[in-house]
Amino acid sequence: MNRRASFSLASAAALTGLAALTGCAVAQEPWPNLNDAEAQLRGALMSLNRAPNRFGGHKAEAERLIRGALAEIEMAKQSFR
């Protein structure tokens, strides 16, 4: 085997290994939709925290409900494991 063929074989092996690692990284996230929803809920909670407190208790109730939804997502993840 000449030097060029050896380099090509090593390159192909490295790319195959990289592809396998990349595939594993994707497979390690079994609940992407839950993670997305969790991130969006956390963003909504931060937005509510920046809002003024003049909504007759509705802001506080929305915050409570979002925290409850975040807890439910965490319980869903725990039950999946």
N, C-alpha and C. Protein backbone atom coordinates (compact mmCIF):
# COMPACT_ATOMS: atom_id res chain seq x y z
N MET A 1 0.86 -1.17 0.00
CA MET A 1 0.00 0.00 0.00
C MET A 1 0.91 1.23 0.00
N ASN A 2 0.64 2.13 -0.93
CA ASN A 2 1.47 3.33 -0.99
C ASN A 2 1.01 4.35 0.04
N ARG A 3 1.76 5.41 0.15
CA ARG A 3 1.51 6.42 1.17
C ARG A 3 0.17 7.13 0.97
N ARG A 4 -0.18 7.43 -0.28
CA ARG A 4 -1.45 8.11 -0.57
C ARG A 4 -2.64 7.23 -0.20
N ALA A 5 -2.58 5.96 -0.55
CA ALA A 5 -3.66 5.04 -0.21
C ALA A 5 -3.79 4.88 1.29
N SER A 6 -2.68 4.85 1.98
CA SER A 6 -2.69 4.73 3.44
C SER A 6 -3.33 5.96 4.07
N PHE A 7 -3.00 7.15 3.55
CA PHE A 7 -3.58 8.39 4.05
C PHE A 7 -5.08 8.43 3.80
N SER A 8 -5.51 7.99 2.62
CA SER A 8 -6.93 7.97 2.28
C SER A 8 -7.69 7.01 3.20
N LEU A 9 -7.11 5.87 3.46
CA LEU A 9 -7.75 4.90 4.34
C LEU A 9 -7.87 5.46 5.76
N ALA A 10 -6.81 6.12 6.24
CA ALA A 10 -6.86 6.72 7.57
C ALA A 10 -7.88 7.85 7.62
N SER A 11 -7.95 8.64 6.57
CA SER A 11 -8.94 9.72 6.52
C SER A 11 -10.36 9.16 6.54
N ALA A 12 -10.61 8.12 5.78
CA ALA A 12 -11.94 7.51 5.74
C ALA A 12 -12.31 6.95 7.12
N ALA A 13 -11.34 6.34 7.77
CA ALA A 13 -11.60 5.78 9.11
C ALA A 13 -11.92 6.90 10.10
N ALA A 14 -11.18 8.00 10.00
CA ALA A 14 -11.43 9.13 10.90
C ALA A 14 -12.81 9.72 10.66
N LEU A 15 -13.20 9.88 9.41
CA LEU A 15 -14.52 10.42 9.10
C LEU A 15 -15.63 9.48 9.56
N THR A 16 -15.41 8.19 9.42
CA THR A 16 -16.40 7.22 9.88
C THR A 16 -16.56 7.31 11.40
N GLY A 17 -15.44 7.44 12.10
CA GLY A 17 -15.49 7.59 13.55
C GLY A 17 -16.19 8.87 13.96
N LEU A 18 -15.92 9.95 13.25
CA LEU A 18 -16.57 11.22 13.53
C LEU A 18 -18.07 11.12 13.29
N ALA A 19 -18.47 10.47 12.24
CA ALA A 19 -19.89 10.31 11.96
C ALA A 19 -20.56 9.48 13.06
N ALA A 20 -19.87 8.47 13.53
CA ALA A 20 -20.44 7.64 14.60
C ALA A 20 -20.59 8.45 15.87
N LEU A 21 -19.60 9.27 16.18
CA LEU A 21 -19.69 10.11 17.38
C LEU A 21 -20.82 11.12 17.26
N THR A 22 -20.96 11.70 16.11
CA THR A 22 -22.04 12.67 15.88
C THR A 22 -23.39 11.99 16.03
N GLY A 23 -23.52 10.80 15.52
CA GLY A 23 -24.77 10.06 15.65
C GLY A 23 -25.09 9.76 17.10
N CYS A 24 -24.07 9.46 17.89
CA CYS A 24 -24.28 9.19 19.30
C CYS A 24 -24.75 10.44 20.03
N ALA A 25 -24.20 11.58 19.66
CA ALA A 25 -24.59 12.82 20.34
C ALA A 25 -26.06 13.13 20.10
N VAL A 26 -26.54 12.85 18.91
CA VAL A 26 -27.95 13.09 18.60
C VAL A 26 -28.82 12.09 19.35
N ALA A 27 -28.36 10.86 19.43
CA ALA A 27 -29.15 9.82 20.08
C ALA A 27 -29.23 10.02 21.60
N GLN A 28 -28.35 10.81 22.18
CA GLN A 28 -28.36 11.00 23.62
C GLN A 28 -29.46 11.95 24.08
N GLU A 29 -30.16 12.59 23.16
CA GLU A 29 -31.24 13.50 23.55
C GLU A 29 -32.57 12.83 23.18
N PRO A 30 -33.11 12.03 24.09
CA PRO A 30 -34.32 11.26 23.75
C PRO A 30 -35.61 12.07 23.76
N TRP A 31 -35.57 13.31 24.23
CA TRP A 31 -36.80 14.09 24.31
C TRP A 31 -36.55 15.53 23.84
N PRO A 32 -36.24 15.72 22.57
CA PRO A 32 -35.94 17.07 22.08
C PRO A 32 -37.12 18.03 22.20
N ASN A 33 -38.32 17.54 22.04
CA ASN A 33 -39.49 18.42 22.15
C ASN A 33 -39.69 18.92 23.58
N LEU A 34 -39.45 18.04 24.55
CA LEU A 34 -39.55 18.47 25.94
C LEU A 34 -38.47 19.50 26.27
N ASN A 35 -37.27 19.29 25.75
CA ASN A 35 -36.19 20.25 25.99
C ASN A 35 -36.52 21.60 25.37
N ASP A 36 -37.09 21.57 24.18
CA ASP A 36 -37.48 22.82 23.51
C ASP A 36 -38.57 23.53 24.30
N ALA A 37 -39.58 22.79 24.73
CA ALA A 37 -40.66 23.39 25.52
C ALA A 37 -40.13 23.96 26.83
N GLU A 38 -39.22 23.24 27.46
CA GLU A 38 -38.63 23.72 28.71
C GLU A 38 -37.89 25.04 28.50
N ALA A 39 -37.12 25.12 27.43
CA ALA A 39 -36.37 26.36 27.15
C ALA A 39 -37.33 27.52 26.89
N GLN A 40 -38.41 27.25 26.16
CA GLN A 40 -39.37 28.30 25.88
C GLN A 40 -40.10 28.75 27.15
N LEU A 41 -40.43 27.81 28.00
CA LEU A 41 -41.08 28.17 29.27
C LEU A 41 -40.16 28.98 30.16
N ARG A 42 -38.89 28.61 30.19
CA ARG A 42 -37.93 29.39 30.99
C ARG A 42 -37.81 30.81 30.43
N GLY A 43 -37.83 30.96 29.11
CA GLY A 43 -37.79 32.28 28.50
C GLY A 43 -39.04 33.08 28.84
N ALA A 44 -40.19 32.43 28.83
CA ALA A 44 -41.44 33.11 29.19
C ALA A 44 -41.41 33.55 30.64
N LEU A 45 -40.87 32.72 31.51
CA LEU A 45 -40.77 33.06 32.93
C LEU A 45 -39.85 34.27 33.12
N MET A 46 -38.76 34.32 32.39
CA MET A 46 -37.86 35.47 32.50
C MET A 46 -38.56 36.74 32.00
N SER A 47 -39.33 36.63 30.93
CA SER A 47 -40.07 37.79 30.42
C SER A 47 -41.09 38.28 31.44
N LEU A 48 -41.80 37.34 32.05
CA LEU A 48 -42.77 37.72 33.08
C LEU A 48 -42.08 38.39 34.27
N ASN A 49 -40.92 37.90 34.64
CA ASN A 49 -40.20 38.49 35.77
C ASN A 49 -39.79 39.93 35.49
N ARG A 50 -39.58 40.27 34.23
CA ARG A 50 -39.22 41.65 33.88
C ARG A 50 -40.44 42.57 33.78
N ALA A 51 -41.62 41.99 33.68
CA ALA A 51 -42.85 42.78 33.54
C ALA A 51 -43.22 43.43 34.87
N PRO A 52 -43.89 44.58 34.82
CA PRO A 52 -44.31 45.24 36.06
C PRO A 52 -45.40 44.43 36.78
N ASN A 53 -45.55 44.68 38.07
CA ASN A 53 -46.53 43.96 38.89
C ASN A 53 -47.83 44.76 38.97
N ARG A 54 -48.53 44.87 37.89
CA ARG A 54 -49.77 45.63 37.90
C ARG A 54 -50.87 44.94 37.09
N PHE A 55 -50.93 43.64 37.21
CA PHE A 55 -51.89 42.88 36.43
C PHE A 55 -52.90 42.14 37.30
N GLY A 56 -53.14 42.65 38.47
CA GLY A 56 -54.18 42.10 39.32
C GLY A 56 -53.98 40.65 39.71
N GLY A 57 -52.74 40.22 39.87
CA GLY A 57 -52.46 38.84 40.28
C GLY A 57 -52.34 37.87 39.12
N HIS A 58 -52.67 38.30 37.91
CA HIS A 58 -52.61 37.39 36.76
C HIS A 58 -51.17 37.05 36.37
N LYS A 59 -50.27 38.00 36.54
CA LYS A 59 -48.86 37.73 36.25
C LYS A 59 -48.34 36.66 37.21
N ALA A 60 -48.64 36.81 38.49
CA ALA A 60 -48.20 35.83 39.49
C ALA A 60 -48.79 34.45 39.20
N GLU A 61 -50.04 34.42 38.77
CA GLU A 61 -50.67 33.13 38.44
C GLU A 61 -50.00 32.51 37.22
N ALA A 62 -49.68 33.32 36.23
CA ALA A 62 -48.99 32.81 35.04
C ALA A 62 -47.62 32.24 35.43
N GLU A 63 -46.90 32.93 36.31
CA GLU A 63 -45.61 32.43 36.78
C GLU A 63 -45.78 31.09 37.51
N ARG A 64 -46.81 31.00 38.34
CA ARG A 64 -47.06 29.75 39.06
C ARG A 64 -47.34 28.60 38.09
N LEU A 65 -48.15 28.88 37.09
CA LEU A 65 -48.50 27.85 36.12
C LEU A 65 -47.28 27.42 35.29
N ILE A 66 -46.43 28.37 34.93
CA ILE A 66 -45.22 28.03 34.18
C ILE A 66 -44.29 27.17 35.04
N ARG A 67 -44.14 27.53 36.30
CA ARG A 67 -43.30 26.70 37.19
C ARG A 67 -43.88 25.29 37.31
N GLY A 68 -45.19 25.20 37.35
CA GLY A 68 -45.83 23.88 37.39
C GLY A 68 -45.57 23.09 36.12
N ALA A 69 -45.62 23.77 34.98
CA ALA A 69 -45.35 23.11 33.71
C ALA A 69 -43.89 22.63 33.66
N LEU A 70 -42.98 23.45 34.16
CA LEU A 70 -41.56 23.05 34.20
C LEU A 70 -41.38 21.82 35.09
N ALA A 71 -42.09 21.78 36.21
CA ALA A 71 -42.02 20.61 37.10
C ALA A 71 -42.57 19.37 36.41
N GLU A 72 -43.65 19.53 35.66
CA GLU A 72 -44.23 18.39 34.93
C GLU A 72 -43.26 17.87 33.87
N ILE A 73 -42.57 18.77 33.19
CA ILE A 73 -41.58 18.35 32.20
C ILE A 73 -40.47 17.56 32.87
N GLU A 74 -40.01 18.04 34.01
CA GLU A 74 -38.96 17.32 34.72
C GLU A 74 -39.45 15.94 35.16
N MET A 75 -40.68 15.85 35.63
CA MET A 75 -41.22 14.53 36.02
C MET A 75 -41.35 13.62 34.82
N ALA A 76 -41.72 14.18 33.67
CA ALA A 76 -41.80 13.37 32.45
C ALA A 76 -40.43 12.81 32.08
N LYS A 77 -39.41 13.64 32.19
CA LYS A 77 -38.05 13.17 31.90
C LYS A 77 -37.62 12.10 32.89
N GLN A 78 -37.96 12.27 34.17
CA GLN A 78 -37.59 11.28 35.18
C GLN A 78 -38.29 9.95 34.93
N SER A 79 -39.54 10.00 34.52
CA SER A 79 -40.27 8.76 34.29
C SER A 79 -39.77 8.04 33.04
N PHE A 80 -39.14 8.78 32.14
CA PHE A 80 -38.60 8.18 30.93
C PHE A 80 -37.33 7.41 31.21
N ARG A 81 -36.57 7.85 32.19
CA ARG A 81 -35.25 7.23 32.48
C ARG A 81 -35.38 5.88 33.03
